Amino acid sequence: DDTQLNHLIDALRTAEITIRGIVPRK
């Protein structure tokens, strides 16, 4: 769900991993 997605984003940012994009798969 969106909650788990937000947890992933927070964890990646905490680890200082640069996110270029998160795009819904189509």
PDB file of all heavy atoms in Angstrom:
ATOM      1  N   ASP A   1       0.848  -1.189   0.000  1.00  0.00           N
ATOM      2  CA  ASP A   1       0.000   0.000   0.000  1.00  0.00           C
ATOM      3  C   ASP A   1       0.888   1.245   0.000  1.00  0.00           C
ATOM      4  O   ASP A   1       2.124   1.147  -0.011  1.00  0.00           O
ATOM      5  CB  ASP A   1      -0.946   0.002   1.207  1.00  0.00           C
ATOM      6  CG  ASP A   1      -0.212  -0.277   2.517  1.00  0.00           C
ATOM      7  OD1 ASP A   1       0.971   0.126   2.644  1.00  0.00           O
ATOM      8  OD2 ASP A   1      -0.816  -0.895   3.407  1.00  0.00           O
ATOM      9  N   ASP A   2       0.255   2.419   0.050  1.00  0.00           N
ATOM     10  CA  ASP A   2       1.012   3.675   0.045  1.00  0.00           C
ATOM     11  C   ASP A   2       1.871   3.829   1.296  1.00  0.00           C
ATOM     12  O   ASP A   2       2.938   4.448   1.258  1.00  0.00           O
ATOM     13  CB  ASP A   2       0.052   4.861  -0.075  1.00  0.00           C
ATOM     14  CG  ASP A   2      -0.586   4.957  -1.456  1.00  0.00           C
ATOM     15  OD1 ASP A   2      -0.062   4.311  -2.384  1.00  0.00           O
ATOM     16  OD2 ASP A   2      -1.603   5.673  -1.588  1.00  0.00           O
ATOM     17  N   THR A   3       1.409   3.281   2.428  1.00  0.00           N
ATOM     18  CA  THR A   3       2.180   3.380   3.673  1.00  0.00           C
ATOM     19  C   THR A   3       3.526   2.686   3.530  1.00  0.00           C
ATOM     20  O   THR A   3       4.571   3.237   3.918  1.00  0.00           O
ATOM     21  CB  THR A   3       1.385   2.773   4.838  1.00  0.00           C
ATOM     22  OG1 THR A   3       0.164   3.487   5.009  1.00  0.00           O
ATOM     23  CG2 THR A   3       2.194   2.834   6.140  1.00  0.00           C
ATOM     24  N   GLN A   4       3.522   1.488   2.966  1.00  0.00           N
ATOM     25  CA  GLN A   4       4.782   0.768   2.786  1.00  0.00           C
ATOM     26  C   GLN A   4       5.686   1.493   1.789  1.00  0.00           C
ATOM     27  O   GLN A   4       6.907   1.543   1.965  1.00  0.00           O
ATOM     28  CB  GLN A   4       4.522  -0.662   2.318  1.00  0.00           C
ATOM     29  CG  GLN A   4       5.778  -1.531   2.353  1.00  0.00           C
ATOM     30  CD  GLN A   4       5.524  -2.948   1.888  1.00  0.00           C
ATOM     31  OE1 GLN A   4       4.736  -3.181   0.974  1.00  0.00           O
ATOM     32  NE2 GLN A   4       6.220  -3.915   2.508  1.00  0.00           N
ATOM     33  N   LEU A   5       5.105   2.096   0.754  1.00  0.00           N
ATOM     34  CA  LEU A   5       5.883   2.862  -0.206  1.00  0.00           C
ATOM     35  C   LEU A   5       6.551   4.059   0.476  1.00  0.00           C
ATOM     36  O   LEU A   5       7.733   4.349   0.245  1.00  0.00           O
ATOM     37  CB  LEU A   5       4.991   3.339  -1.355  1.00  0.00           C
ATOM     38  CG  LEU A   5       5.655   4.212  -2.423  1.00  0.00           C
ATOM     39  CD1 LEU A   5       6.760   3.442  -3.145  1.00  0.00           C
ATOM     40  CD2 LEU A   5       4.621   4.727  -3.432  1.00  0.00           C
ATOM     41  N   ASN A   6       5.819   4.750   1.336  1.00  0.00           N
ATOM     42  CA  ASN A   6       6.384   5.897   2.042  1.00  0.00           C
ATOM     43  C   ASN A   6       7.489   5.471   3.010  1.00  0.00           C
ATOM     44  O   ASN A   6       8.487   6.187   3.167  1.00  0.00           O
ATOM     45  CB  ASN A   6       5.279   6.643   2.801  1.00  0.00           C
ATOM     46  CG  ASN A   6       4.386   7.442   1.857  1.00  0.00           C
ATOM     47  OD1 ASN A   6       4.852   7.955   0.852  1.00  0.00           O
ATOM     48  ND2 ASN A   6       3.109   7.539   2.190  1.00  0.00           N
ATOM     49  N   HIS A   7       7.334   4.301   3.633  1.00  0.00           N
ATOM     50  CA  HIS A   7       8.390   3.788   4.505  1.00  0.00           C
ATOM     51  C   HIS A   7       9.669   3.540   3.709  1.00  0.00           C
ATOM     52  O   HIS A   7      10.782   3.825   4.185  1.00  0.00           O
ATOM     53  CB  HIS A   7       7.928   2.499   5.184  1.00  0.00           C
ATOM     54  CG  HIS A   7       6.940   2.716   6.276  1.00  0.00           C
ATOM     55  ND1 HIS A   7       6.130   1.709   6.770  1.00  0.00           N
ATOM     56  CD2 HIS A   7       6.587   3.846   6.967  1.00  0.00           C
ATOM     57  CE1 HIS A   7       5.350   2.195   7.725  1.00  0.00           C
ATOM     58  NE2 HIS A   7       5.606   3.493   7.848  1.00  0.00           N
ATOM     59  N   LEU A   8       9.509   3.010   2.495  1.00  0.00           N
ATOM     60  CA  LEU A   8      10.674   2.754   1.646  1.00  0.00           C
ATOM     61  C   LEU A   8      11.364   4.075   1.284  1.00  0.00           C
ATOM     62  O   LEU A   8      12.596   4.183   1.352  1.00  0.00           O
ATOM     63  CB  LEU A   8      10.258   2.000   0.384  1.00  0.00           C
ATOM     64  CG  LEU A   8      11.344   1.826  -0.686  1.00  0.00           C
ATOM     65  CD1 LEU A   8      12.527   1.036  -0.133  1.00  0.00           C
ATOM     66  CD2 LEU A   8      10.777   1.168  -1.937  1.00  0.00           C
ATOM     67  N   ILE A   9      10.581   5.062   0.888  1.00  0.00           N
ATOM     68  CA  ILE A   9      11.158   6.360   0.514  1.00  0.00           C
ATOM     69  C   ILE A   9      11.906   6.973   1.694  1.00  0.00           C
ATOM     70  O   ILE A   9      13.027   7.485   1.549  1.00  0.00           O
ATOM     71  CB  ILE A   9      10.047   7.301   0.008  1.00  0.00           C
ATOM     72  CG1 ILE A   9       9.446   6.765  -1.299  1.00  0.00           C
ATOM     73  CG2 ILE A   9      10.592   8.715  -0.200  1.00  0.00           C
ATOM     74  CD1 ILE A   9       8.217   7.519  -1.767  1.00  0.00           C
ATOM     75  N   ASP A  10      11.296   6.916   2.886  1.00  0.00           N
ATOM     76  CA  ASP A  10      11.940   7.475   4.080  1.00  0.00           C
ATOM     77  C   ASP A  10      13.255   6.752   4.375  1.00  0.00           C
ATOM     78  O   ASP A  10      14.266   7.396   4.707  1.00  0.00           O
ATOM     79  CB  ASP A  10      11.005   7.362   5.282  1.00  0.00           C
ATOM     80  CG  ASP A  10       9.796   8.288   5.169  1.00  0.00           C
ATOM     81  OD1 ASP A  10       9.866   9.241   4.377  1.00  0.00           O
ATOM     82  OD2 ASP A  10       8.790   8.033   5.867  1.00  0.00           O
ATOM     83  N   ALA A  11      13.244   5.413   4.226  1.00  0.00           N
ATOM     84  CA  ALA A  11      14.454   4.635   4.520  1.00  0.00           C
ATOM     85  C   ALA A  11      15.560   4.941   3.516  1.00  0.00           C
ATOM     86  O   ALA A  11      16.739   5.053   3.877  1.00  0.00           O
ATOM     87  CB  ALA A  11      14.117   3.142   4.514  1.00  0.00           C
ATOM     88  N   LEU A  12      15.211   5.099   2.255  1.00  0.00           N
ATOM     89  CA  LEU A  12      16.211   5.423   1.238  1.00  0.00           C
ATOM     90  C   LEU A  12      16.809   6.805   1.483  1.00  0.00           C
ATOM     91  O   LEU A  12      18.021   7.003   1.341  1.00  0.00           O
ATOM     92  CB  LEU A  12      15.576   5.353  -0.153  1.00  0.00           C
ATOM     93  CG  LEU A  12      15.148   3.951  -0.649  1.00  0.00           C
ATOM     94  CD1 LEU A  12      14.370   4.064  -1.959  1.00  0.00           C
ATOM     95  CD2 LEU A  12      16.362   3.037  -0.835  1.00  0.00           C
ATOM     96  N   ARG A  13      15.986   7.753   1.850  1.00  0.00           N
ATOM     97  CA  ARG A  13      16.482   9.110   2.119  1.00  0.00           C
ATOM     98  C   ARG A  13      17.367   9.131   3.369  1.00  0.00           C
ATOM     99  O   ARG A  13      18.387   9.827   3.405  1.00  0.00           O
ATOM    100  CB  ARG A  13      15.302  10.062   2.281  1.00  0.00           C
ATOM    101  CG  ARG A  13      14.616  10.391   0.963  1.00  0.00           C
ATOM    102  CD  ARG A  13      13.372  11.227   1.179  1.00  0.00           C
ATOM    103  NE  ARG A  13      12.818  11.699  -0.080  1.00  0.00           N
ATOM    104  CZ  ARG A  13      11.618  12.277  -0.192  1.00  0.00           C
ATOM    105  NH1 ARG A  13      10.875  12.453   0.896  1.00  0.00           N
ATOM    106  NH2 ARG A  13      11.177  12.686  -1.359  1.00  0.00           N
ATOM    107  N   THR A  14      16.963   8.370   4.408  1.00  0.00           N
ATOM    108  CA  THR A  14      17.772   8.296   5.634  1.00  0.00           C
ATOM    109  C   THR A  14      19.158   7.738   5.328  1.00  0.00           C
ATOM    110  O   THR A  14      20.163   8.170   5.905  1.00  0.00           O
ATOM    111  CB  THR A  14      17.059   7.431   6.686  1.00  0.00           C
ATOM    112  OG1 THR A  14      15.791   8.017   7.007  1.00  0.00           O
ATOM    113  CG2 THR A  14      17.894   7.316   7.959  1.00  0.00           C
ATOM    114  N   ALA A  15      19.196   6.778   4.397  1.00  0.00           N
ATOM    115  CA  ALA A  15      20.475   6.176   4.001  1.00  0.00           C
ATOM    116  C   ALA A  15      21.211   7.048   2.981  1.00  0.00           C
ATOM    117  O   ALA A  15      22.259   6.628   2.468  1.00  0.00           O
ATOM    118  CB  ALA A  15      20.230   4.771   3.435  1.00  0.00           C
ATOM    119  N   GLU A  16      20.668   8.218   2.698  1.00  0.00           N
ATOM    120  CA  GLU A  16      21.268   9.171   1.758  1.00  0.00           C
ATOM    121  C   GLU A  16      21.444   8.572   0.360  1.00  0.00           C
ATOM    122  O   GLU A  16      22.433   8.814  -0.324  1.00  0.00           O
ATOM    123  CB  GLU A  16      22.606   9.689   2.297  1.00  0.00           C
ATOM    124  CG  GLU A  16      22.470  10.464   3.594  1.00  0.00           C
ATOM    125  CD  GLU A  16      23.794  11.039   4.083  1.00  0.00           C
ATOM    126  OE1 GLU A  16      24.846  10.639   3.535  1.00  0.00           O
ATOM    127  OE2 GLU A  16      23.771  11.880   4.995  1.00  0.00           O
ATOM    128  N   ILE A  17      20.464   7.793  -0.043  1.00  0.00           N
ATOM    129  CA  ILE A  17      20.435   7.231  -1.402  1.00  0.00           C
ATOM    130  C   ILE A  17      19.612   8.177  -2.280  1.00  0.00           C
ATOM    131  O   ILE A  17      18.467   8.512  -1.947  1.00  0.00           O
ATOM    132  CB  ILE A  17      19.822   5.820  -1.403  1.00  0.00           C
ATOM    133  CG1 ILE A  17      20.694   4.877  -0.565  1.00  0.00           C
ATOM    134  CG2 ILE A  17      19.670   5.291  -2.832  1.00  0.00           C
ATOM    135  CD1 ILE A  17      20.098   3.494  -0.393  1.00  0.00           C
ATOM    136  N   THR A  18      20.200   8.621  -3.368  1.00  0.00           N
ATOM    137  CA  THR A  18      19.524   9.570  -4.254  1.00  0.00           C
ATOM    138  C   THR A  18      18.469   8.857  -5.091  1.00  0.00           C
ATOM    139  O   THR A  18      18.758   7.908  -5.818  1.00  0.00           O
ATOM    140  CB  THR A  18      20.531  10.267  -5.187  1.00  0.00           C
ATOM    141  OG1 THR A  18      21.515  10.925  -4.396  1.00  0.00           O
ATOM    142  CG2 THR A  18      19.826  11.283  -6.082  1.00  0.00           C
ATOM    143  N   ILE A  19      17.236   9.333  -4.978  1.00  0.00           N
ATOM    144  CA  ILE A  19      16.119   8.771  -5.745  1.00  0.00           C
ATOM    145  C   ILE A  19      15.893   9.643  -6.976  1.00  0.00           C
ATOM    146  O   ILE A  19      15.572  10.829  -6.862  1.00  0.00           O
ATOM    147  CB  ILE A  19      14.835   8.719  -4.897  1.00  0.00           C
ATOM    148  CG1 ILE A  19      15.056   7.916  -3.619  1.00  0.00           C
ATOM    149  CG2 ILE A  19      13.684   8.120  -5.716  1.00  0.00           C
ATOM    150  CD1 ILE A  19      13.897   8.005  -2.638  1.00  0.00           C
ATOM    151  N   ARG A  20      16.071   9.058  -8.138  1.00  0.00           N
ATOM    152  CA  ARG A  20      15.863   9.809  -9.376  1.00  0.00           C
ATOM    153  C   ARG A  20      14.382   9.850  -9.754  1.00  0.00           C
ATOM    154  O   ARG A  20      13.892  10.808 -10.345  1.00  0.00           O
ATOM    155  CB  ARG A  20      16.683   9.200 -10.505  1.00  0.00           C
ATOM    156  CG  ARG A  20      16.562   9.929 -11.834  1.00  0.00           C
ATOM    157  CD  ARG A  20      17.565   9.400 -12.838  1.00  0.00           C
ATOM    158  NE  ARG A  20      18.927   9.769 -12.465  1.00  0.00           N
ATOM    159  CZ  ARG A  20      20.013   9.179 -12.959  1.00  0.00           C
ATOM    160  NH1 ARG A  20      19.891   8.177 -13.800  1.00  0.00           N
ATOM    161  NH2 ARG A  20      21.210   9.581 -12.585  1.00  0.00           N
ATOM    162  N   GLY A  21      13.670   8.794  -9.403  1.00  0.00           N
ATOM    163  CA  GLY A  21      12.250   8.770  -9.743  1.00  0.00           C
ATOM    164  C   GLY A  21      11.560   7.519  -9.234  1.00  0.00           C
ATOM    165  O   GLY A  21      12.185   6.469  -9.104  1.00  0.00           O
ATOM    166  N   ILE A  22      10.269   7.662  -8.911  1.00  0.00           N
ATOM    167  CA  ILE A  22       9.401   6.528  -8.593  1.00  0.00           C
ATOM    168  C   ILE A  22       8.172   6.684  -9.473  1.00  0.00           C
ATOM    169  O   ILE A  22       7.371   7.606  -9.281  1.00  0.00           O
ATOM    170  CB  ILE A  22       9.015   6.487  -7.111  1.00  0.00           C
ATOM    171  CG1 ILE A  22      10.255   6.315  -6.239  1.00  0.00           C
ATOM    172  CG2 ILE A  22       8.031   5.343  -6.846  1.00  0.00           C
ATOM    173  CD1 ILE A  22       9.962   6.300  -4.758  1.00  0.00           C
ATOM    174  N   VAL A  23       8.032   5.808 -10.447  1.00  0.00           N
ATOM    175  CA  VAL A  23       6.995   5.945 -11.467  1.00  0.00           C
ATOM    176  C   VAL A  23       6.074   4.727 -11.419  1.00  0.00           C
ATOM    177  O   VAL A  23       6.549   3.585 -11.412  1.00  0.00           O
ATOM    178  CB  VAL A  23       7.629   6.050 -12.877  1.00  0.00           C
ATOM    179  CG1 VAL A  23       6.545   6.254 -13.935  1.00  0.00           C
ATOM    180  CG2 VAL A  23       8.655   7.176 -12.918  1.00  0.00           C
ATOM    181  N   PRO A  24       4.749   4.935 -11.364  1.00  0.00           N
ATOM    182  CA  PRO A  24       3.834   3.791 -11.405  1.00  0.00           C
ATOM    183  C   PRO A  24       4.064   2.946 -12.653  1.00  0.00           C
ATOM    184  O   PRO A  24       4.238   3.482 -13.747  1.00  0.00           O
ATOM    185  CB  PRO A  24       2.451   4.449 -11.440  1.00  0.00           C
ATOM    186  CG  PRO A  24       2.655   5.798 -10.841  1.00  0.00           C
ATOM    187  CD  PRO A  24       4.037   6.217 -11.239  1.00  0.00           C
ATOM    188  N   ARG A  25       4.120   1.649 -12.480  1.00  0.00           N
ATOM    189  CA  ARG A  25       4.316   0.764 -13.620  1.00  0.00           C
ATOM    190  C   ARG A  25       3.052   0.745 -14.466  1.00  0.00           C
ATOM    191  O   ARG A  25       1.940   0.709 -13.943  1.00  0.00           O
ATOM    192  CB  ARG A  25       4.649  -0.654 -13.149  1.00  0.00           C
ATOM    193  CG  ARG A  25       5.051  -1.579 -14.290  1.00  0.00           C
ATOM    194  CD  ARG A  25       5.239  -2.996 -13.820  1.00  0.00           C
ATOM    195  NE  ARG A  25       5.477  -3.876 -14.957  1.00  0.00           N
ATOM    196  CZ  ARG A  25       5.149  -5.154 -14.991  1.00  0.00           C
ATOM    197  NH1 ARG A  25       4.562  -5.704 -13.948  1.00  0.00           N
ATOM    198  NH2 ARG A  25       5.396  -5.886 -16.052  1.00  0.00           N
ATOM    199  N   LYS A  26       3.249   0.757 -15.777  1.00  0.00           N
ATOM    200  CA  LYS A  26       2.111   0.791 -16.688  1.00  0.00           C
ATOM    201  C   LYS A  26       2.226  -0.280 -17.751  1.00  0.00           C
ATOM    202  O   LYS A  26       3.316  -0.723 -18.094  1.00  0.00           O
ATOM    203  CB  LYS A  26       2.008   2.175 -17.359  1.00  0.00           C
ATOM    204  CG  LYS A  26       1.742   3.316 -16.379  1.00  0.00           C
ATOM    205  CD  LYS A  26       1.627   4.636 -17.086  1.00  0.00           C
ATOM    206  CE  LYS A  26       1.333   5.751 -16.093  1.00  0.00           C
ATOM    207  NZ  LYS A  26       1.185   7.071 -16.760  1.00  0.00           N
TER     208      LYS A  26
END
